[in-house]
Each structure stands twice: as C-alpha cells, then as structure tokens.
Amino acid sequence: MRLADLKPGERGRISGVAAMAEFLAALGFIPGARVRVRQRVRGGPLLVEVGTSMYALGQEVAAAIAVEPEGERLSWRGGLRRRRRGR
C-alpha cells in the first residue's frame, strides 16, 4: 500500500521509499517510521505526521512511499481526539 492511499486518521509504518530517498530520509521518512495522514486535499497535498513533525507531501511523493497500515483510525473533530473502530 502507498502512503497516498491512506485516509485521514489512518496510520502506518513505512516499509520503503522509491523516490527522493535521501531527501525524505532527512525528514524522517525511513523504513520502520510510523506515519499518520492528518488531512488531505482532493487532487492536492497530504498533511502527514511523522515522528513529532508534520509535512505537506504532494501526491507523487506520497505515492513513492510504501507503508504497512496499522492500528485504528483516529479522528480529530472539534479539536478532541476520538477513536474510531474500523476504517
């Protein structure tokens, strides 16, 4: 699965990076790192959390990052953290 395929609130672990590996590694996008999609714009960038940082990644860059989905989906409605079951 690609990072670009995750929906807002979904988490995963990076399993590989196909493009811009050195640049993305400097930002913390390395195999084994946990990531979470915080927000996405249709046809636009994804707001992605990795470690304690957040980055806006374009669709092409996000599609070059392979992830293994994990855990439950989290929602950030009204500033409160609520857990959702399933996808």
PDB file of N, CA and C in Angstrom:
ATOM      1  N   MET A   1       0.841  -1.163   0.000  1.00  0.00           N
ATOM      2  CA  MET A   1       0.000   0.000   0.000  1.00  0.00           C
ATOM      3  C   MET A   1       0.898   1.242   0.000  1.00  0.00           C
ATOM      4  N   ARG A   2       0.412   2.307  -0.602  1.00  0.00           N
ATOM      5  CA  ARG A   2       1.178   3.558  -0.662  1.00  0.00           C
ATOM      6  C   ARG A   2       0.656   4.549   0.379  1.00  0.00           C
ATOM      7  N   LEU A   3       1.506   5.441   0.806  1.00  0.00           N
ATOM      8  CA  LEU A   3       1.096   6.479   1.745  1.00  0.00           C
ATOM      9  C   LEU A   3      -0.066   7.287   1.164  1.00  0.00           C
ATOM     10  N   ALA A   4      -0.057   7.496  -0.137  1.00  0.00           N
ATOM     11  CA  ALA A   4      -1.119   8.258  -0.803  1.00  0.00           C
ATOM     12  C   ALA A   4      -2.475   7.559  -0.701  1.00  0.00           C
ATOM     13  N   ASP A   5      -2.497   6.267  -0.377  1.00  0.00           N
ATOM     14  CA  ASP A   5      -3.749   5.510  -0.276  1.00  0.00           C
ATOM     15  C   ASP A   5      -4.400   5.597   1.103  1.00  0.00           C
ATOM     16  N   LEU A   6      -3.647   6.033   2.112  1.00  0.00           N
ATOM     17  CA  LEU A   6      -4.211   6.138   3.456  1.00  0.00           C
ATOM     18  C   LEU A   6      -5.202   7.294   3.519  1.00  0.00           C
ATOM     19  N   LYS A   7      -6.236   7.119   4.331  1.00  0.00           N
ATOM     20  CA  LYS A   7      -7.249   8.151   4.527  1.00  0.00           C
ATOM     21  C   LYS A   7      -6.892   8.958   5.764  1.00  0.00           C
ATOM     22  N   PRO A   8      -7.447  10.166   5.898  1.00  0.00           N
ATOM     23  CA  PRO A   8      -7.167  10.963   7.100  1.00  0.00           C
ATOM     24  C   PRO A   8      -7.473  10.188   8.374  1.00  0.00           C
ATOM     25  N   GLY A   9      -6.532  10.221   9.311  1.00  0.00           N
ATOM     26  CA  GLY A   9      -6.676   9.499  10.570  1.00  0.00           C
ATOM     27  C   GLY A   9      -6.023   8.132  10.560  1.00  0.00           C
ATOM     28  N   GLU A  10      -5.722   7.581   9.391  1.00  0.00           N
ATOM     29  CA  GLU A  10      -5.104   6.255   9.327  1.00  0.00           C
ATOM     30  C   GLU A  10      -3.606   6.357   9.545  1.00  0.00           C
ATOM     31  N   ARG A  11      -3.074   5.291  10.158  1.00  0.00           N
ATOM     32  CA  ARG A  11      -1.649   5.225  10.452  1.00  0.00           C
ATOM     33  C   ARG A  11      -1.007   4.052   9.743  1.00  0.00           C
ATOM     34  N   GLY A  12       0.312   4.130   9.621  1.00  0.00           N
ATOM     35  CA  GLY A  12       1.055   3.031   9.027  1.00  0.00           C
ATOM     36  C   GLY A  12       2.524   3.125   9.374  1.00  0.00           C
ATOM     37  N   ARG A  13       3.247   2.092   8.991  1.00  0.00           N
ATOM     38  CA  ARG A  13       4.713   2.076   9.142  1.00  0.00           C
ATOM     39  C   ARG A  13       5.316   2.067   7.758  1.00  0.00           C
ATOM     40  N   ILE A  14       6.307   2.878   7.569  1.00  0.00           N
ATOM     41  CA  ILE A  14       6.973   2.963   6.271  1.00  0.00           C
ATOM     42  C   ILE A  14       7.740   1.673   6.030  1.00  0.00           C
ATOM     43  N   SER A  15       7.525   1.093   4.843  1.00  0.00           N
ATOM     44  CA  SER A  15       8.245  -0.139   4.501  1.00  0.00           C
ATOM     45  C   SER A  15       9.243   0.088   3.371  1.00  0.00           C
ATOM     46  N   GLY A  16       9.204   1.232   2.721  1.00  0.00           N
ATOM     47  CA  GLY A  16      10.164   1.529   1.667  1.00  0.00           C
ATOM     48  C   GLY A  16       9.879   2.874   1.021  1.00  0.00           C
ATOM     49  N   VAL A  17      10.915   3.431   0.407  1.00  0.00           N
ATOM     50  CA  VAL A  17      10.795   4.712  -0.286  1.00  0.00           C
ATOM     51  C   VAL A  17      11.396   4.545  -1.669  1.00  0.00           C
ATOM     52  N   ALA A  18      10.604   4.844  -2.711  1.00  0.00           N
ATOM     53  CA  ALA A  18      11.048   4.597  -4.082  1.00  0.00           C
ATOM     54  C   ALA A  18      11.715   5.810  -4.740  1.00  0.00           C
ATOM     55  N   ALA A  19      11.389   7.013  -4.327  1.00  0.00           N
ATOM     56  CA  ALA A  19      11.949   8.211  -4.976  1.00  0.00           C
ATOM     57  C   ALA A  19      12.383   9.204  -3.908  1.00  0.00           C
ATOM     58  N   MET A  20      13.379   9.999  -4.219  1.00  0.00           N
ATOM     59  CA  MET A  20      13.858  11.048  -3.320  1.00  0.00           C
ATOM     60  C   MET A  20      14.229  10.486  -1.954  1.00  0.00           C
ATOM     61  N   ALA A  21      14.815   9.309  -1.920  1.00  0.00           N
ATOM     62  CA  ALA A  21      15.069   8.599  -0.667  1.00  0.00           C
ATOM     63  C   ALA A  21      15.928   9.403   0.307  1.00  0.00           C
ATOM     64  N   GLU A  22      16.988  10.037  -0.166  1.00  0.00           N
ATOM     65  CA  GLU A  22      17.875  10.778   0.739  1.00  0.00           C
ATOM     66  C   GLU A  22      17.167  11.985   1.345  1.00  0.00           C
ATOM     67  N   PHE A  23      16.432  12.714   0.519  1.00  0.00           N
ATOM     68  CA  PHE A  23      15.702  13.885   0.999  1.00  0.00           C
ATOM     69  C   PHE A  23      14.641  13.478   2.019  1.00  0.00           C
ATOM     70  N   LEU A  24      13.850  12.458   1.693  1.00  0.00           N
ATOM     71  CA  LEU A  24      12.794  12.012   2.602  1.00  0.00           C
ATOM     72  C   LEU A  24      13.374  11.417   3.884  1.00  0.00           C
ATOM     73  N   ALA A  25      14.513  10.735   3.789  1.00  0.00           N
ATOM     74  CA  ALA A  25      15.158  10.178   4.985  1.00  0.00           C
ATOM     75  C   ALA A  25      15.588  11.301   5.927  1.00  0.00           C
ATOM     76  N   ALA A  26      16.045  12.412   5.368  1.00  0.00           N
ATOM     77  CA  ALA A  26      16.444  13.551   6.192  1.00  0.00           C
ATOM     78  C   ALA A  26      15.255  14.138   6.949  1.00  0.00           C
ATOM     79  N   LEU A  27      14.058  13.964   6.411  1.00  0.00           N
ATOM     80  CA  LEU A  27      12.849  14.448   7.067  1.00  0.00           C
ATOM     81  C   LEU A  27      12.274  13.429   8.058  1.00  0.00           C
ATOM     82  N   GLY A  28      12.803  12.203   8.052  1.00  0.00           N
ATOM     83  CA  GLY A  28      12.327  11.172   8.965  1.00  0.00           C
ATOM     84  C   GLY A  28      11.501  10.079   8.308  1.00  0.00           C
ATOM     85  N   PHE A  29      11.337  10.142   6.980  1.00  0.00           N
ATOM     86  CA  PHE A  29      10.575   9.113   6.256  1.00  0.00           C
ATOM     87  C   PHE A  29      11.509   7.954   5.928  1.00  0.00           C
ATOM     88  N   ILE A  30      11.751   7.111   6.918  1.00  0.00           N
ATOM     89  CA  ILE A  30      12.649   5.969   6.768  1.00  0.00           C
ATOM     90  C   ILE A  30      11.879   4.692   7.091  1.00  0.00           C
ATOM     91  N   PRO A  31      12.316   3.553   6.546  1.00  0.00           N
ATOM     92  CA  PRO A  31      11.633   2.296   6.850  1.00  0.00           C
ATOM     93  C   PRO A  31      11.536   2.067   8.361  1.00  0.00           C
ATOM     94  N   GLY A  32      10.330   1.701   8.795  1.00  0.00           N
ATOM     95  CA  GLY A  32      10.066   1.465  10.205  1.00  0.00           C
ATOM     96  C   GLY A  32       9.435   2.643  10.926  1.00  0.00           C
ATOM     97  N   ALA A  33       9.519   3.840  10.336  1.00  0.00           N
ATOM     98  CA  ALA A  33       8.938   5.025  10.975  1.00  0.00           C
ATOM     99  C   ALA A  33       7.417   4.978  10.887  1.00  0.00           C
ATOM    100  N   ARG A  34       6.757   5.432  11.951  1.00  0.00           N
ATOM    101  CA  ARG A  34       5.292   5.492  11.968  1.00  0.00           C
ATOM    102  C   ARG A  34       4.833   6.812  11.356  1.00  0.00           C
ATOM    103  N   VAL A  35       3.817   6.728  10.521  1.00  0.00           N
ATOM    104  CA  VAL A  35       3.251   7.919   9.889  1.00  0.00           C
ATOM    105  C   VAL A  35       1.741   7.925  10.075  1.00  0.00           C
ATOM    106  N   ARG A  36       1.170   9.119  10.012  1.00  0.00           N
ATOM    107  CA  ARG A  36      -0.282   9.249  10.075  1.00  0.00           C
ATOM    108  C   ARG A  36      -0.697  10.378   9.142  1.00  0.00           C
ATOM    109  N   VAL A  37      -1.725  10.120   8.351  1.00  0.00           N
ATOM    110  CA  VAL A  37      -2.272  11.158   7.481  1.00  0.00           C
ATOM    111  C   VAL A  37      -3.231  11.988   8.330  1.00  0.00           C
ATOM    112  N   ARG A  38      -2.960  13.274   8.448  1.00  0.00           N
ATOM    113  CA  ARG A  38      -3.813  14.155   9.246  1.00  0.00           C
ATOM    114  C   ARG A  38      -4.918  14.774   8.403  1.00  0.00           C
ATOM    115  N   GLN A  39      -4.573  15.116   7.151  1.00  0.00           N
ATOM    116  CA  GLN A  39      -5.549  15.789   6.293  1.00  0.00           C
ATOM    117  C   GLN A  39      -5.133  15.585   4.850  1.00  0.00           C
ATOM    118  N   ARG A  40      -6.112  15.626   3.943  1.00  0.00           N
ATOM    119  CA  ARG A  40      -5.785  15.540   2.524  1.00  0.00           C
ATOM    120  C   ARG A  40      -6.725  16.433   1.740  1.00  0.00           C
ATOM    121  N   VAL A  41      -6.199  16.945   0.649  1.00  0.00           N
ATOM    122  CA  VAL A  41      -6.972  17.793  -0.249  1.00  0.00           C
ATOM    123  C   VAL A  41      -7.144  17.016  -1.538  1.00  0.00           C
ATOM    124  N   ARG A  42      -8.376  16.915  -2.017  1.00  0.00           N
ATOM    125  CA  ARG A  42      -8.643  16.149  -3.237  1.00  0.00           C
ATOM    126  C   ARG A  42      -7.755  16.654  -4.374  1.00  0.00           C
ATOM    127  N   GLY A  43      -6.925  15.755  -4.906  1.00  0.00           N
ATOM    128  CA  GLY A  43      -6.022  16.103  -6.004  1.00  0.00           C
ATOM    129  C   GLY A  43      -4.844  16.953  -5.582  1.00  0.00           C
ATOM    130  N   GLY A  44      -4.723  17.233  -4.281  1.00  0.00           N
ATOM    131  CA  GLY A  44      -3.648  18.080  -3.770  1.00  0.00           C
ATOM    132  C   GLY A  44      -2.797  17.350  -2.752  1.00  0.00           C
ATOM    133  N   PRO A  45      -2.110  18.104  -1.918  1.00  0.00           N
ATOM    134  CA  PRO A  45      -1.186  17.500  -0.958  1.00  0.00           C
ATOM    135  C   PRO A  45      -1.865  16.815   0.218  1.00  0.00           C
ATOM    136  N   LEU A  46      -1.079  15.990   0.901  1.00  0.00           N
ATOM    137  CA  LEU A  46      -1.490  15.325   2.135  1.00  0.00           C
ATOM    138  C   LEU A  46      -0.714  15.970   3.272  1.00  0.00           C
ATOM    139  N   LEU A  47      -1.363  16.201   4.387  1.00  0.00           N
ATOM    140  CA  LEU A  47      -0.683  16.655   5.587  1.00  0.00           C
ATOM    141  C   LEU A  47      -0.365  15.396   6.384  1.00  0.00           C
ATOM    142  N   VAL A  48       0.930  15.106   6.527  1.00  0.00           N
ATOM    143  CA  VAL A  48       1.384  13.840   7.096  1.00  0.00           C
ATOM    144  C   VAL A  48       2.218  14.097   8.341  1.00  0.00           C
ATOM    145  N   GLU A  49       1.946  13.320   9.376  1.00  0.00           N
ATOM    146  CA  GLU A  49       2.713  13.403  10.614  1.00  0.00           C
ATOM    147  C   GLU A  49       3.690  12.240  10.653  1.00  0.00           C
ATOM    148  N   VAL A  50       4.953  12.551  10.870  1.00  0.00           N
ATOM    149  CA  VAL A  50       5.983  11.523  11.045  1.00  0.00           C
ATOM    150  C   VAL A  50       6.815  11.948  12.253  1.00  0.00           C
ATOM    151  N   GLY A  51       6.885  11.077  13.242  1.00  0.00           N
ATOM    152  CA  GLY A  51       7.547  11.452  14.488  1.00  0.00           C
ATOM    153  C   GLY A  51       6.781  12.590  15.134  1.00  0.00           C
ATOM    154  N   THR A  52       7.480  13.670  15.461  1.00  0.00           N
ATOM    155  CA  THR A  52       6.832  14.843  16.059  1.00  0.00           C
ATOM    156  C   THR A  52       6.660  15.977  15.062  1.00  0.00           C
ATOM    157  N   SER A  53       6.912  15.706  13.787  1.00  0.00           N
ATOM    158  CA  SER A  53       6.824  16.732  12.746  1.00  0.00           C
ATOM    159  C   SER A  53       5.671  16.470  11.801  1.00  0.00           C
ATOM    160  N   MET A  54       5.216  17.536  11.136  1.00  0.00           N
ATOM    161  CA  MET A  54       4.178  17.401  10.113  1.00  0.00           C
ATOM    162  C   MET A  54       4.692  18.027   8.816  1.00  0.00           C
ATOM    163  N   TYR A  55       4.368  17.352   7.705  1.00  0.00           N
ATOM    164  CA  TYR A  55       4.798  17.815   6.394  1.00  0.00           C
ATOM    165  C   TYR A  55       3.636  17.728   5.413  1.00  0.00           C
ATOM    166  N   ALA A  56       3.623  18.628   4.457  1.00  0.00           N
ATOM    167  CA  ALA A  56       2.667  18.553   3.352  1.00  0.00           C
ATOM    168  C   ALA A  56       3.404  17.879   2.197  1.00  0.00           C
ATOM    169  N   LEU A  57       2.904  16.730   1.764  1.00  0.00           N
ATOM    170  CA  LEU A  57       3.528  15.984   0.674  1.00  0.00           C
ATOM    171  C   LEU A  57       2.592  15.958  -0.522  1.00  0.00           C
ATOM    172  N   GLY A  58       3.146  16.188  -1.704  1.00  0.00           N
ATOM    173  CA  GLY A  58       2.368  16.079  -2.927  1.00  0.00           C
ATOM    174  C   GLY A  58       1.990  14.629  -3.191  1.00  0.00           C
ATOM    175  N   GLN A  59       1.007  14.435  -4.056  1.00  0.00           N
ATOM    176  CA  GLN A  59       0.526  13.085  -4.383  1.00  0.00           C
ATOM    177  C   GLN A  59       1.641  12.197  -4.938  1.00  0.00           C
ATOM    178  N   GLU A  60       2.482  12.737  -5.808  1.00  0.00           N
ATOM    179  CA  GLU A  60       3.548  11.928  -6.410  1.00  0.00           C
ATOM    180  C   GLU A  60       4.551  11.456  -5.369  1.00  0.00           C
ATOM    181  N   VAL A  61       4.907  12.332  -4.442  1.00  0.00           N
ATOM    182  CA  VAL A  61       5.856  11.956  -3.393  1.00  0.00           C
ATOM    183  C   VAL A  61       5.220  10.930  -2.468  1.00  0.00           C
ATOM    184  N   ALA A  62       3.968  11.165  -2.063  1.00  0.00           N
ATOM    185  CA  ALA A  62       3.273  10.228  -1.173  1.00  0.00           C
ATOM    186  C   ALA A  62       3.097   8.863  -1.834  1.00  0.00           C
ATOM    187  N   ALA A  63       2.942   8.842  -3.156  1.00  0.00           N
ATOM    188  CA  ALA A  63       2.786   7.578  -3.880  1.00  0.00           C
ATOM    189  C   ALA A  63       4.097   6.798  -3.939  1.00  0.00           C
ATOM    190  N   ALA A  64       5.224   7.470  -3.706  1.00  0.00           N
ATOM    191  CA  ALA A  64       6.528   6.806  -3.754  1.00  0.00           C
ATOM    192  C   ALA A  64       6.912   6.192  -2.412  1.00  0.00           C
ATOM    193  N   ILE A  65       6.078   6.373  -1.386  1.00  0.00           N
ATOM    194  CA  ILE A  65       6.368   5.845  -0.050  1.00  0.00           C
ATOM    195  C   ILE A  65       5.449   4.659   0.225  1.00  0.00           C
ATOM    196  N   ALA A  66       6.045   3.489   0.410  1.00  0.00           N
ATOM    197  CA  ALA A  66       5.276   2.272   0.703  1.00  0.00           C
ATOM    198  C   ALA A  66       5.056   2.168   2.208  1.00  0.00           C
ATOM    199  N   VAL A  67       3.819   1.827   2.605  1.00  0.00           N
ATOM    200  CA  VAL A  67       3.500   1.698   4.026  1.00  0.00           C
ATOM    201  C   VAL A  67       2.730   0.412   4.290  1.00  0.00           C
ATOM    202  N   GLU A  68       2.836  -0.055   5.513  1.00  0.00           N
ATOM    203  CA  GLU A  68       2.017  -1.150   6.006  1.00  0.00           C
ATOM    204  C   GLU A  68       1.018  -0.519   6.964  1.00  0.00           C
ATOM    205  N   PRO A  69      -0.285  -0.590   6.672  1.00  0.00           N
ATOM    206  CA  PRO A  69      -1.266   0.028   7.566  1.00  0.00           C
ATOM    207  C   PRO A  69      -1.250  -0.624   8.940  1.00  0.00           C
ATOM    208  N   GLU A  70      -1.551   0.168   9.965  1.00  0.00           N
ATOM    209  CA  GLU A  70      -1.573  -0.385  11.323  1.00  0.00           C
ATOM    210  C   GLU A  70      -2.568   0.364  12.188  1.00  0.00           C
ATOM    211  N   GLY A  71      -2.986  -0.294  13.239  1.00  0.00           N
ATOM    212  CA  GLY A  71      -3.809   0.332  14.265  1.00  0.00           C
ATOM    213  C   GLY A  71      -5.176   0.770  13.807  1.00  0.00           C
ATOM    214  N   GLU A  72      -5.799   1.529  14.674  1.00  0.00           N
ATOM    215  CA  GLU A  72      -7.138   2.034  14.399  1.00  0.00           C
ATOM    216  C   GLU A  72      -7.064   3.446  13.860  1.00  0.00           C
ATOM    217  N   ARG A  73      -8.142   3.850  13.264  1.00  0.00           N
ATOM    218  CA  ARG A  73      -8.227   5.173  12.668  1.00  0.00           C
ATOM    219  C   ARG A  73      -8.568   6.191  13.748  1.00  0.00           C
ATOM    220  N   LEU A  74      -7.933   7.356  13.705  1.00  0.00           N
ATOM    221  CA  LEU A  74      -8.185   8.409  14.672  1.00  0.00           C
ATOM    222  C   LEU A  74      -8.863   9.581  13.993  1.00  0.00           C
ATOM    223  N   SER A  75      -9.772  10.212  14.694  1.00  0.00           N
ATOM    224  CA  SER A  75     -10.482  11.371  14.167  1.00  0.00           C
ATOM    225  C   SER A  75     -10.136  12.588  15.012  1.00  0.00           C
ATOM    226  N   TRP A  76     -10.045  13.734  14.389  1.00  0.00           N
ATOM    227  CA  TRP A  76      -9.714  14.977  15.094  1.00  0.00           C
ATOM    228  C   TRP A  76     -10.845  15.975  14.927  1.00  0.00           C
ATOM    229  N   ARG A  77     -12.050  15.638  15.266  1.00  0.00           N
ATOM    230  CA  ARG A  77     -13.188  16.541  15.141  1.00  0.00           C
ATOM    231  C   ARG A  77     -13.285  17.450  16.350  1.00  0.00           C
ATOM    232  N   GLY A  78     -13.499  18.723  16.083  1.00  0.00           N
ATOM    233  CA  GLY A  78     -13.694  19.673  17.169  1.00  0.00           C
ATOM    234  C   GLY A  78     -12.516  19.795  18.107  1.00  0.00           C
ATOM    235  N   GLY A  79     -11.321  19.430  17.643  1.00  0.00           N
ATOM    236  CA  GLY A  79     -10.130  19.541  18.460  1.00  0.00           C
ATOM    237  C   GLY A  79      -9.988  18.436  19.497  1.00  0.00           C
ATOM    238  N   LEU A  80     -10.950  17.538  19.561  1.00  0.00           N
ATOM    239  CA  LEU A  80     -10.862  16.436  20.509  1.00  0.00           C
ATOM    240  C   LEU A  80     -10.429  15.169  19.801  1.00  0.00           C
ATOM    241  N   ARG A  81      -9.637  14.414  20.447  1.00  0.00           N
ATOM    242  CA  ARG A  81      -9.148  13.169  19.860  1.00  0.00           C
ATOM    243  C   ARG A  81     -10.125  12.060  20.195  1.00  0.00           C
ATOM    244  N   ARG A  82     -10.764  11.516  19.191  1.00  0.00           N
ATOM    245  CA  ARG A  82     -11.714  10.422  19.387  1.00  0.00           C
ATOM    246  C   ARG A  82     -11.267   9.225  18.581  1.00  0.00           C
ATOM    247  N   ARG A  83     -11.409   8.083  19.173  1.00  0.00           N
ATOM    248  CA  ARG A  83     -11.008   6.865  18.465  1.00  0.00           C
ATOM    249  C   ARG A  83     -12.185   6.298  17.695  1.00  0.00           C
ATOM    250  N   ARG A  84     -11.907   5.842  16.487  1.00  0.00           N
ATOM    251  CA  ARG A  84     -12.910   5.195  15.635  1.00  0.00           C
ATOM    252  C   ARG A  84     -12.513   3.755  15.431  1.00  0.00           C
ATOM    253  N   ARG A  85     -13.472   2.903  15.422  1.00  0.00           N
ATOM    254  CA  ARG A  85     -13.185   1.491  15.152  1.00  0.00           C
ATOM    255  C   ARG A  85     -13.303   1.257  13.658  1.00  0.00           C
ATOM    256  N   GLY A  86     -12.454   0.366  13.147  1.00  0.00           N
ATOM    257  CA  GLY A  86     -12.520   0.000  11.730  1.00  0.00           C
ATOM    258  C   GLY A  86     -11.950   1.083  10.840  1.00  0.00           C
ATOM    259  N   ARG A  87     -12.359   1.049   9.588  1.00  0.00           N
ATOM    260  CA  ARG A  87     -11.831   2.011   8.624  1.00  0.00           C
ATOM    261  C   ARG A  87     -12.817   3.022   8.327  1.00  0.00           C
TER     262      ARG A  87
END
